[in-house]
N, C-alpha and C. Protein backbone atom coordinates (compact mmCIF):
# COMPACT_ATOMS: atom_id res chain seq x y z
N MET A 1 11.71 4.33 12.61
CA MET A 1 11.58 4.86 13.95
C MET A 1 10.20 4.54 14.48
N HIS A 2 10.16 4.22 15.72
CA HIS A 2 8.87 3.90 16.32
C HIS A 2 8.04 5.17 16.48
N VAL A 3 6.77 4.99 16.51
CA VAL A 3 5.85 6.12 16.60
C VAL A 3 6.07 6.90 17.90
N ARG A 4 6.28 6.19 19.01
CA ARG A 4 6.47 6.88 20.29
C ARG A 4 7.73 7.73 20.29
N ARG A 5 8.82 7.19 19.70
CA ARG A 5 10.08 7.94 19.67
C ARG A 5 9.93 9.19 18.80
N ALA A 6 9.24 9.09 17.70
CA ALA A 6 9.02 10.23 16.82
C ALA A 6 8.19 11.29 17.52
N LEU A 7 7.18 10.86 18.25
CA LEU A 7 6.34 11.80 18.99
C LEU A 7 7.14 12.50 20.08
N ALA A 8 7.99 11.76 20.77
CA ALA A 8 8.81 12.34 21.83
C ALA A 8 9.77 13.38 21.25
N LEU A 9 10.37 13.10 20.12
CA LEU A 9 11.29 14.04 19.50
C LEU A 9 10.58 15.31 19.04
N THR A 10 9.39 15.17 18.47
CA THR A 10 8.69 16.36 18.00
C THR A 10 8.28 17.25 19.16
N LEU A 11 8.07 16.68 20.33
CA LEU A 11 7.73 17.49 21.49
C LEU A 11 8.97 18.06 22.18
N ALA A 12 10.08 17.31 22.18
CA ALA A 12 11.28 17.73 22.91
C ALA A 12 12.12 18.73 22.13
N VAL A 13 12.22 18.61 20.82
CA VAL A 13 13.09 19.48 20.02
C VAL A 13 12.74 20.96 20.18
N PRO A 14 11.49 21.38 20.05
CA PRO A 14 11.19 22.80 20.22
C PRO A 14 11.55 23.31 21.61
N ALA A 15 11.39 22.49 22.62
CA ALA A 15 11.71 22.92 23.98
C ALA A 15 13.21 23.09 24.13
N LEU A 16 14.00 22.17 23.55
CA LEU A 16 15.45 22.28 23.64
C LEU A 16 15.97 23.48 22.86
N LEU A 17 15.41 23.72 21.67
CA LEU A 17 15.85 24.84 20.86
C LEU A 17 15.52 26.17 21.53
N ALA A 18 14.43 26.26 22.20
CA ALA A 18 14.05 27.50 22.88
C ALA A 18 15.05 27.83 23.96
N GLY A 19 15.62 26.83 24.60
CA GLY A 19 16.59 27.06 25.66
C GLY A 19 17.95 27.45 25.13
N CYS A 20 18.28 27.21 23.87
CA CYS A 20 19.59 27.50 23.30
C CYS A 20 19.62 28.81 22.53
N SER A 21 18.73 29.66 22.72
CA SER A 21 18.64 30.89 21.96
C SER A 21 19.57 31.94 22.56
N ASP A 22 20.05 32.89 21.71
CA ASP A 22 20.88 33.99 22.16
C ASP A 22 20.03 35.19 22.58
N ASP A 23 18.73 35.09 22.42
CA ASP A 23 17.85 36.21 22.78
C ASP A 23 17.84 36.37 24.29
N PRO A 24 17.74 37.63 24.76
CA PRO A 24 17.68 37.84 26.21
C PRO A 24 16.40 37.24 26.78
N GLU A 25 16.48 36.91 28.08
CA GLU A 25 15.32 36.36 28.78
C GLU A 25 14.17 37.36 28.74
N PRO A 26 12.97 36.94 28.46
CA PRO A 26 11.85 37.88 28.49
C PRO A 26 11.55 38.27 29.94
N THR A 27 11.19 39.53 30.12
CA THR A 27 10.83 39.99 31.47
C THR A 27 9.32 40.05 31.55
N PRO A 28 8.77 39.53 32.63
CA PRO A 28 7.31 39.55 32.75
C PRO A 28 6.81 40.95 33.03
N LYS A 29 5.65 41.26 32.49
CA LYS A 29 5.00 42.55 32.73
C LYS A 29 4.19 42.42 34.02
N ILE A 30 4.51 43.28 34.99
CA ILE A 30 3.79 43.28 36.25
C ILE A 30 2.85 44.48 36.24
N PRO A 31 1.57 44.27 36.51
CA PRO A 31 0.64 45.39 36.48
C PRO A 31 0.94 46.40 37.56
N GLU A 32 0.64 47.66 37.23
CA GLU A 32 0.85 48.75 38.19
C GLU A 32 -0.10 48.58 39.37
N PRO A 33 0.39 48.81 40.59
CA PRO A 33 -0.52 48.71 41.73
C PRO A 33 -1.54 49.85 41.69
N THR A 34 -2.74 49.55 42.12
CA THR A 34 -3.80 50.55 42.16
C THR A 34 -4.05 50.96 43.59
N SER A 35 -4.66 52.12 43.76
CA SER A 35 -4.89 52.63 45.10
C SER A 35 -6.05 51.93 45.81
N SER A 36 -6.99 51.40 45.04
CA SER A 36 -8.12 50.72 45.68
C SER A 36 -7.88 49.23 45.64
N SER A 37 -8.15 48.57 46.75
CA SER A 37 -7.96 47.13 46.78
C SER A 37 -9.27 46.44 46.40
N PRO A 38 -9.16 45.33 45.69
CA PRO A 38 -10.38 44.64 45.29
C PRO A 38 -11.10 44.05 46.50
N THR A 39 -12.40 43.96 46.38
CA THR A 39 -13.21 43.37 47.43
C THR A 39 -13.02 41.86 47.40
N PRO A 40 -12.68 41.28 48.55
CA PRO A 40 -12.49 39.83 48.53
C PRO A 40 -13.82 39.13 48.24
N SER A 41 -13.73 38.09 47.46
CA SER A 41 -14.94 37.34 47.16
C SER A 41 -15.11 36.24 48.19
N PRO A 42 -16.37 35.88 48.49
CA PRO A 42 -16.58 34.83 49.48
C PRO A 42 -16.02 33.50 49.00
N THR A 43 -15.55 32.73 49.91
CA THR A 43 -15.01 31.42 49.57
C THR A 43 -15.90 30.34 50.14
N GLU A 44 -15.66 29.14 49.68
CA GLU A 44 -16.48 28.03 50.16
C GLU A 44 -16.23 27.74 51.63
N SER A 45 -15.07 28.17 52.15
CA SER A 45 -14.76 27.88 53.54
C SER A 45 -15.49 28.81 54.51
N GLU A 46 -16.01 29.93 54.01
CA GLU A 46 -16.74 30.83 54.89
C GLU A 46 -18.07 30.20 55.27
N GLU A 47 -18.46 30.39 56.54
CA GLU A 47 -19.73 29.84 56.99
C GLU A 47 -20.85 30.82 56.64
N PRO A 48 -22.02 30.31 56.28
CA PRO A 48 -23.13 31.20 55.98
C PRO A 48 -23.58 31.91 57.26
N GLU A 49 -24.16 33.07 57.05
CA GLU A 49 -24.64 33.84 58.19
C GLU A 49 -25.74 33.06 58.89
N ALA A 50 -25.66 33.02 60.23
CA ALA A 50 -26.63 32.26 61.01
C ALA A 50 -28.01 32.91 60.92
N GLU A 51 -29.02 32.07 60.89
CA GLU A 51 -30.40 32.54 60.82
C GLU A 51 -30.80 33.07 62.20
N SER A 52 -31.39 34.25 62.23
CA SER A 52 -31.85 34.82 63.49
C SER A 52 -33.14 34.12 63.92
N PRO A 53 -33.49 34.20 65.22
CA PRO A 53 -34.76 33.61 65.65
C PRO A 53 -35.95 34.20 64.90
N GLU A 54 -35.91 35.51 64.64
CA GLU A 54 -37.01 36.16 63.93
C GLU A 54 -37.15 35.63 62.51
N GLU A 55 -36.01 35.46 61.83
CA GLU A 55 -36.04 34.92 60.47
C GLU A 55 -36.59 33.49 60.48
N PHE A 56 -36.18 32.72 61.48
CA PHE A 56 -36.68 31.35 61.58
C PHE A 56 -38.20 31.33 61.78
N ILE A 57 -38.70 32.19 62.68
CA ILE A 57 -40.15 32.22 62.93
C ILE A 57 -40.90 32.58 61.67
N ARG A 58 -40.41 33.53 60.90
CA ARG A 58 -41.06 33.91 59.63
C ARG A 58 -41.08 32.71 58.66
N ARG A 59 -39.97 31.98 58.61
CA ARG A 59 -39.88 30.81 57.75
C ARG A 59 -40.82 29.70 58.25
N TRP A 60 -40.94 29.57 59.57
CA TRP A 60 -41.84 28.58 60.17
C TRP A 60 -43.30 28.89 59.81
N VAL A 61 -43.68 30.17 59.86
CA VAL A 61 -45.04 30.56 59.48
C VAL A 61 -45.29 30.21 58.02
N GLU A 62 -44.33 30.53 57.15
CA GLU A 62 -44.47 30.20 55.72
C GLU A 62 -44.62 28.69 55.51
N ALA A 63 -43.82 27.90 56.26
CA ALA A 63 -43.90 26.45 56.12
C ALA A 63 -45.27 25.93 56.56
N GLY A 64 -45.82 26.52 57.62
CA GLY A 64 -47.15 26.13 58.09
C GLY A 64 -48.23 26.48 57.08
N ASP A 65 -48.12 27.66 56.49
CA ASP A 65 -49.08 28.08 55.46
C ASP A 65 -49.01 27.15 54.26
N GLU A 66 -47.79 26.85 53.82
CA GLU A 66 -47.59 25.98 52.66
C GLU A 66 -48.13 24.58 52.94
N MET A 67 -47.90 24.10 54.15
CA MET A 67 -48.37 22.77 54.53
C MET A 67 -49.89 22.67 54.42
N GLN A 68 -50.57 23.73 54.83
CA GLN A 68 -52.04 23.71 54.81
C GLN A 68 -52.61 23.62 53.40
N VAL A 69 -51.96 24.27 52.44
CA VAL A 69 -52.53 24.27 51.09
C VAL A 69 -52.03 23.13 50.21
N THR A 70 -50.92 22.49 50.62
CA THR A 70 -50.38 21.40 49.79
C THR A 70 -50.52 20.02 50.42
N GLY A 71 -50.62 20.00 51.75
CA GLY A 71 -50.63 18.71 52.45
C GLY A 71 -49.24 18.15 52.66
N GLU A 72 -48.21 18.85 52.18
CA GLU A 72 -46.81 18.43 52.36
C GLU A 72 -46.35 18.88 53.75
N THR A 73 -46.13 17.94 54.66
CA THR A 73 -45.85 18.27 56.05
C THR A 73 -44.38 18.18 56.45
N ALA A 74 -43.52 17.66 55.60
CA ALA A 74 -42.13 17.36 55.97
C ALA A 74 -41.36 18.56 56.49
N GLU A 75 -41.43 19.69 55.81
CA GLU A 75 -40.65 20.88 56.22
C GLU A 75 -41.12 21.39 57.58
N TYR A 76 -42.41 21.54 57.75
CA TYR A 76 -42.95 22.02 59.02
C TYR A 76 -42.64 21.02 60.13
N ASP A 77 -42.78 19.76 59.85
CA ASP A 77 -42.49 18.71 60.81
C ASP A 77 -41.04 18.76 61.27
N ARG A 78 -40.13 18.99 60.31
CA ARG A 78 -38.70 19.08 60.62
C ARG A 78 -38.40 20.27 61.53
N MET A 79 -39.18 21.33 61.41
CA MET A 79 -38.96 22.55 62.19
C MET A 79 -39.58 22.46 63.59
N THR A 80 -40.34 21.40 63.87
CA THR A 80 -41.10 21.33 65.12
C THR A 80 -41.04 19.97 65.80
N PRO A 81 -39.90 19.29 65.85
CA PRO A 81 -39.89 17.91 66.33
C PRO A 81 -40.28 17.75 67.80
N GLU A 82 -40.09 18.78 68.60
CA GLU A 82 -40.36 18.68 70.04
C GLU A 82 -41.61 19.45 70.47
N CYS A 83 -42.35 19.99 69.53
CA CYS A 83 -43.50 20.85 69.83
C CYS A 83 -44.80 20.04 69.72
N ARG A 84 -45.39 19.71 70.86
CA ARG A 84 -46.62 18.89 70.85
C ARG A 84 -47.76 19.54 70.09
N PRO A 85 -48.08 20.84 70.32
CA PRO A 85 -49.17 21.44 69.54
C PRO A 85 -48.87 21.47 68.04
N CYS A 86 -47.60 21.66 67.70
CA CYS A 86 -47.21 21.67 66.28
C CYS A 86 -47.42 20.29 65.66
N GLN A 87 -47.05 19.25 66.39
CA GLN A 87 -47.20 17.89 65.88
C GLN A 87 -48.67 17.51 65.75
N ASP A 88 -49.52 18.04 66.64
CA ASP A 88 -50.97 17.83 66.50
C ASP A 88 -51.48 18.49 65.22
N PHE A 89 -50.95 19.68 64.91
CA PHE A 89 -51.31 20.41 63.69
C PHE A 89 -50.90 19.58 62.47
N VAL A 90 -49.68 19.03 62.48
CA VAL A 90 -49.19 18.18 61.39
C VAL A 90 -50.13 16.99 61.20
N ALA A 91 -50.51 16.34 62.31
CA ALA A 91 -51.40 15.17 62.24
C ALA A 91 -52.76 15.53 61.65
N ASN A 92 -53.29 16.71 62.01
CA ASN A 92 -54.59 17.13 61.46
C ASN A 92 -54.50 17.36 59.95
N VAL A 93 -53.44 18.03 59.51
CA VAL A 93 -53.27 18.29 58.07
C VAL A 93 -53.10 16.96 57.33
N GLU A 94 -52.27 16.07 57.87
CA GLU A 94 -52.07 14.77 57.21
C GLU A 94 -53.39 14.00 57.11
N GLN A 95 -54.19 14.05 58.15
CA GLN A 95 -55.47 13.33 58.14
C GLN A 95 -56.39 13.85 57.05
N VAL A 96 -56.46 15.17 56.91
CA VAL A 96 -57.32 15.75 55.87
C VAL A 96 -56.86 15.30 54.49
N TYR A 97 -55.56 15.43 54.21
CA TYR A 97 -55.05 15.13 52.87
C TYR A 97 -54.98 13.63 52.58
N GLU A 98 -54.65 12.82 53.58
CA GLU A 98 -54.59 11.37 53.35
C GLU A 98 -55.95 10.79 52.98
N ASN A 99 -57.00 11.42 53.46
CA ASN A 99 -58.35 10.95 53.17
C ASN A 99 -58.95 11.60 51.93
N GLY A 100 -58.11 12.33 51.18
CA GLY A 100 -58.59 12.93 49.93
C GLY A 100 -59.15 14.32 50.07
N GLY A 101 -59.00 14.94 51.23
CA GLY A 101 -59.47 16.30 51.43
C GLY A 101 -58.43 17.32 51.02
N SER A 102 -58.76 18.59 51.24
CA SER A 102 -57.82 19.68 50.93
C SER A 102 -58.25 20.92 51.70
N ALA A 103 -57.49 21.99 51.51
CA ALA A 103 -57.82 23.25 52.18
C ALA A 103 -57.62 24.39 51.20
N GLU A 104 -58.50 25.38 51.33
CA GLU A 104 -58.36 26.62 50.57
C GLU A 104 -57.96 27.68 51.58
N PHE A 105 -56.75 28.21 51.40
CA PHE A 105 -56.17 29.11 52.39
C PHE A 105 -55.21 30.05 51.67
N ALA A 106 -55.39 31.35 51.84
CA ALA A 106 -54.57 32.33 51.11
C ALA A 106 -53.26 32.66 51.81
N GLY A 107 -53.02 32.12 52.98
CA GLY A 107 -51.77 32.39 53.70
C GLY A 107 -51.93 33.51 54.71
N SER A 108 -51.22 33.39 55.80
CA SER A 108 -51.31 34.38 56.87
C SER A 108 -50.34 35.53 56.64
N THR A 109 -50.59 36.64 57.34
CA THR A 109 -49.73 37.82 57.27
C THR A 109 -49.25 38.15 58.67
N ILE A 110 -47.94 38.20 58.85
CA ILE A 110 -47.39 38.55 60.15
C ILE A 110 -47.58 40.05 60.36
N VAL A 111 -48.22 40.39 61.48
CA VAL A 111 -48.50 41.78 61.82
C VAL A 111 -47.46 42.29 62.81
N ASP A 112 -47.06 41.44 63.76
CA ASP A 112 -46.11 41.84 64.79
C ASP A 112 -45.35 40.62 65.28
N LEU A 113 -44.09 40.82 65.60
CA LEU A 113 -43.26 39.78 66.17
C LEU A 113 -42.45 40.44 67.28
N GLU A 114 -42.79 40.14 68.52
CA GLU A 114 -42.19 40.82 69.66
C GLU A 114 -41.48 39.82 70.57
N ARG A 115 -40.23 40.09 70.86
CA ARG A 115 -39.45 39.21 71.74
C ARG A 115 -39.92 39.40 73.18
N MET A 116 -40.25 38.30 73.84
CA MET A 116 -40.74 38.35 75.21
C MET A 116 -39.68 37.89 76.21
N ALA A 117 -38.82 36.98 75.81
CA ALA A 117 -37.76 36.46 76.68
C ALA A 117 -36.58 36.02 75.83
N GLY A 118 -35.40 36.04 76.44
CA GLY A 118 -34.21 35.69 75.70
C GLY A 118 -33.75 34.25 75.88
N ASN A 119 -34.07 33.64 77.01
CA ASN A 119 -33.58 32.30 77.26
C ASN A 119 -34.63 31.45 77.93
N PRO A 120 -35.31 30.58 77.23
CA PRO A 120 -35.19 30.33 75.80
C PRO A 120 -35.85 31.45 75.00
N PRO A 121 -35.42 31.64 73.75
CA PRO A 121 -36.03 32.69 72.93
C PRO A 121 -37.53 32.48 72.82
N THR A 122 -38.28 33.48 73.27
CA THR A 122 -39.74 33.39 73.27
C THR A 122 -40.31 34.66 72.66
N TYR A 123 -41.27 34.51 71.77
CA TYR A 123 -41.84 35.62 71.01
C TYR A 123 -43.35 35.57 71.04
N ASN A 124 -43.96 36.75 71.01
CA ASN A 124 -45.38 36.85 70.71
C ASN A 124 -45.48 37.15 69.22
N LEU A 125 -46.21 36.31 68.52
CA LEU A 125 -46.38 36.42 67.08
C LEU A 125 -47.85 36.74 66.81
N THR A 126 -48.09 37.90 66.23
CA THR A 126 -49.45 38.28 65.87
C THR A 126 -49.56 38.21 64.36
N LYS A 127 -50.60 37.51 63.89
CA LYS A 127 -50.77 37.39 62.45
C LYS A 127 -52.25 37.46 62.09
N ASP A 128 -52.51 37.98 60.90
CA ASP A 128 -53.84 37.99 60.33
C ASP A 128 -54.00 36.71 59.52
N ILE A 129 -55.13 36.06 59.73
CA ILE A 129 -55.40 34.79 59.08
C ILE A 129 -56.66 34.95 58.23
N PRO A 130 -56.57 34.68 56.93
CA PRO A 130 -57.76 34.80 56.08
C PRO A 130 -58.72 33.64 56.32
N GLU A 131 -59.91 33.76 55.79
CA GLU A 131 -60.87 32.66 55.88
C GLU A 131 -60.23 31.40 55.32
N THR A 132 -60.48 30.30 55.98
CA THR A 132 -59.94 29.02 55.56
C THR A 132 -61.10 28.05 55.35
N VAL A 133 -61.10 27.36 54.22
CA VAL A 133 -62.13 26.38 53.93
C VAL A 133 -61.46 25.01 53.85
N ILE A 134 -61.90 24.10 54.71
CA ILE A 134 -61.38 22.74 54.70
C ILE A 134 -62.41 21.87 53.98
N LEU A 135 -61.96 21.21 52.92
CA LEU A 135 -62.83 20.34 52.13
C LEU A 135 -62.58 18.90 52.55
N ARG A 136 -63.55 18.28 53.13
CA ARG A 136 -63.43 16.90 53.61
C ARG A 136 -63.78 15.95 52.46
N PRO A 137 -63.23 14.75 52.48
CA PRO A 137 -63.51 13.78 51.41
C PRO A 137 -64.99 13.45 51.28
N SER A 138 -65.73 13.59 52.35
CA SER A 138 -67.16 13.27 52.32
C SER A 138 -67.96 14.33 51.57
N GLY A 139 -67.29 15.43 51.19
CA GLY A 139 -67.99 16.53 50.54
C GLY A 139 -68.35 17.64 51.52
N GLU A 140 -68.23 17.36 52.79
CA GLU A 140 -68.50 18.35 53.84
C GLU A 140 -67.40 19.42 53.82
N THR A 141 -67.79 20.65 54.04
CA THR A 141 -66.80 21.73 54.15
C THR A 141 -66.90 22.34 55.54
N GLN A 142 -65.75 22.76 56.02
CA GLN A 142 -65.67 23.46 57.29
C GLN A 142 -65.03 24.80 57.00
N THR A 143 -65.70 25.90 57.36
CA THR A 143 -65.17 27.23 57.10
C THR A 143 -64.73 27.85 58.42
N LEU A 144 -63.47 28.25 58.46
CA LEU A 144 -62.92 28.94 59.62
C LEU A 144 -62.85 30.42 59.26
N PRO A 145 -63.44 31.30 60.08
CA PRO A 145 -63.50 32.72 59.72
C PRO A 145 -62.11 33.38 59.78
N GLU A 146 -62.00 34.47 59.04
CA GLU A 146 -60.75 35.24 59.10
C GLU A 146 -60.64 35.87 60.47
N GLY A 147 -59.42 36.25 60.82
CA GLY A 147 -59.24 36.90 62.11
C GLY A 147 -57.78 37.17 62.40
N ARG A 148 -57.55 37.74 63.56
CA ARG A 148 -56.20 38.04 64.02
C ARG A 148 -55.93 37.15 65.22
N SER A 149 -54.75 36.58 65.26
CA SER A 149 -54.38 35.67 66.33
C SER A 149 -52.99 36.02 66.84
N THR A 150 -52.81 35.92 68.15
CA THR A 150 -51.49 36.09 68.75
C THR A 150 -51.12 34.79 69.44
N ILE A 151 -49.96 34.28 69.10
CA ILE A 151 -49.48 33.07 69.73
C ILE A 151 -48.11 33.33 70.34
N ARG A 152 -47.81 32.62 71.40
CA ARG A 152 -46.49 32.70 72.02
C ARG A 152 -45.69 31.51 71.50
N VAL A 153 -44.54 31.80 70.90
CA VAL A 153 -43.69 30.80 70.28
C VAL A 153 -42.38 30.71 71.07
N THR A 154 -42.03 29.51 71.48
CA THR A 154 -40.77 29.28 72.19
C THR A 154 -39.86 28.45 71.30
N LEU A 155 -38.60 28.88 71.21
CA LEU A 155 -37.63 28.23 70.34
C LEU A 155 -36.57 27.49 71.14
N GLY A 156 -35.94 26.55 70.49
CA GLY A 156 -34.78 25.84 71.02
C GLY A 156 -33.87 25.52 69.86
N LYS A 157 -32.82 24.77 70.13
CA LYS A 157 -31.90 24.36 69.06
C LYS A 157 -31.73 22.85 69.10
N VAL A 158 -31.73 22.26 67.93
CA VAL A 158 -31.45 20.85 67.75
C VAL A 158 -30.37 20.76 66.68
N GLU A 159 -29.22 20.20 67.05
CA GLU A 159 -28.08 20.08 66.14
C GLU A 159 -27.73 21.43 65.50
N GLY A 160 -27.77 22.48 66.31
CA GLY A 160 -27.38 23.81 65.84
C GLY A 160 -28.42 24.55 65.04
N GLU A 161 -29.60 23.97 64.85
CA GLU A 161 -30.67 24.58 64.06
C GLU A 161 -31.82 24.99 64.97
N TRP A 162 -32.46 26.13 64.66
CA TRP A 162 -33.63 26.55 65.41
C TRP A 162 -34.76 25.57 65.19
N VAL A 163 -35.54 25.34 66.24
CA VAL A 163 -36.78 24.57 66.17
C VAL A 163 -37.79 25.23 67.09
N VAL A 164 -39.07 25.02 66.81
CA VAL A 164 -40.12 25.48 67.71
C VAL A 164 -40.31 24.37 68.74
N THR A 165 -40.21 24.74 70.03
CA THR A 165 -40.40 23.74 71.07
C THR A 165 -41.81 23.79 71.65
N HIS A 166 -42.48 24.96 71.49
CA HIS A 166 -43.84 25.08 72.00
C HIS A 166 -44.49 26.33 71.40
N PHE A 167 -45.81 26.27 71.24
CA PHE A 167 -46.57 27.49 70.96
C PHE A 167 -47.92 27.37 71.63
N ALA A 168 -48.47 28.52 71.98
CA ALA A 168 -49.79 28.56 72.62
C ALA A 168 -50.47 29.86 72.23
N ILE A 169 -51.79 29.81 72.14
CA ILE A 169 -52.56 31.03 71.83
C ILE A 169 -52.54 31.91 73.07
N VAL A 170 -52.27 33.19 72.86
CA VAL A 170 -52.21 34.16 73.97
C VAL A 170 -53.57 34.81 74.12
């Protein structure tokens, strides 16, 4: 007998014999219903909760702080494609780091975030800024004193995502 035929018989015989039994059909056990319904779990088809303008502004501040201490501008740049003052800030940070400089900066603290207008979403953002030391490649240092600053931030949307379209010191 060929190997394939023997293999087919060994798989088919138990299945055929199980069907020829005089034993009654087994009945499946169905669990008792409970009074509390299970919480549905999220599925991949559900859309994530949309980011609020306030959450975006907080993330934008963090990206700006991170950019200053690392020289990595991509995230902040992506969040500000239409904001001229923001792009100037990106260019300044890139210039410092490309020439071998760096910055010592402990990160800002948001003190207040107040909505000023709804269309376009506009906020006054007040933050405390620690002393910042910019180390230039020439060995020169520039120290910016700590302080509190309020800026007006205007948002827009690009491809469904929040972006900063403008900011100005108030």
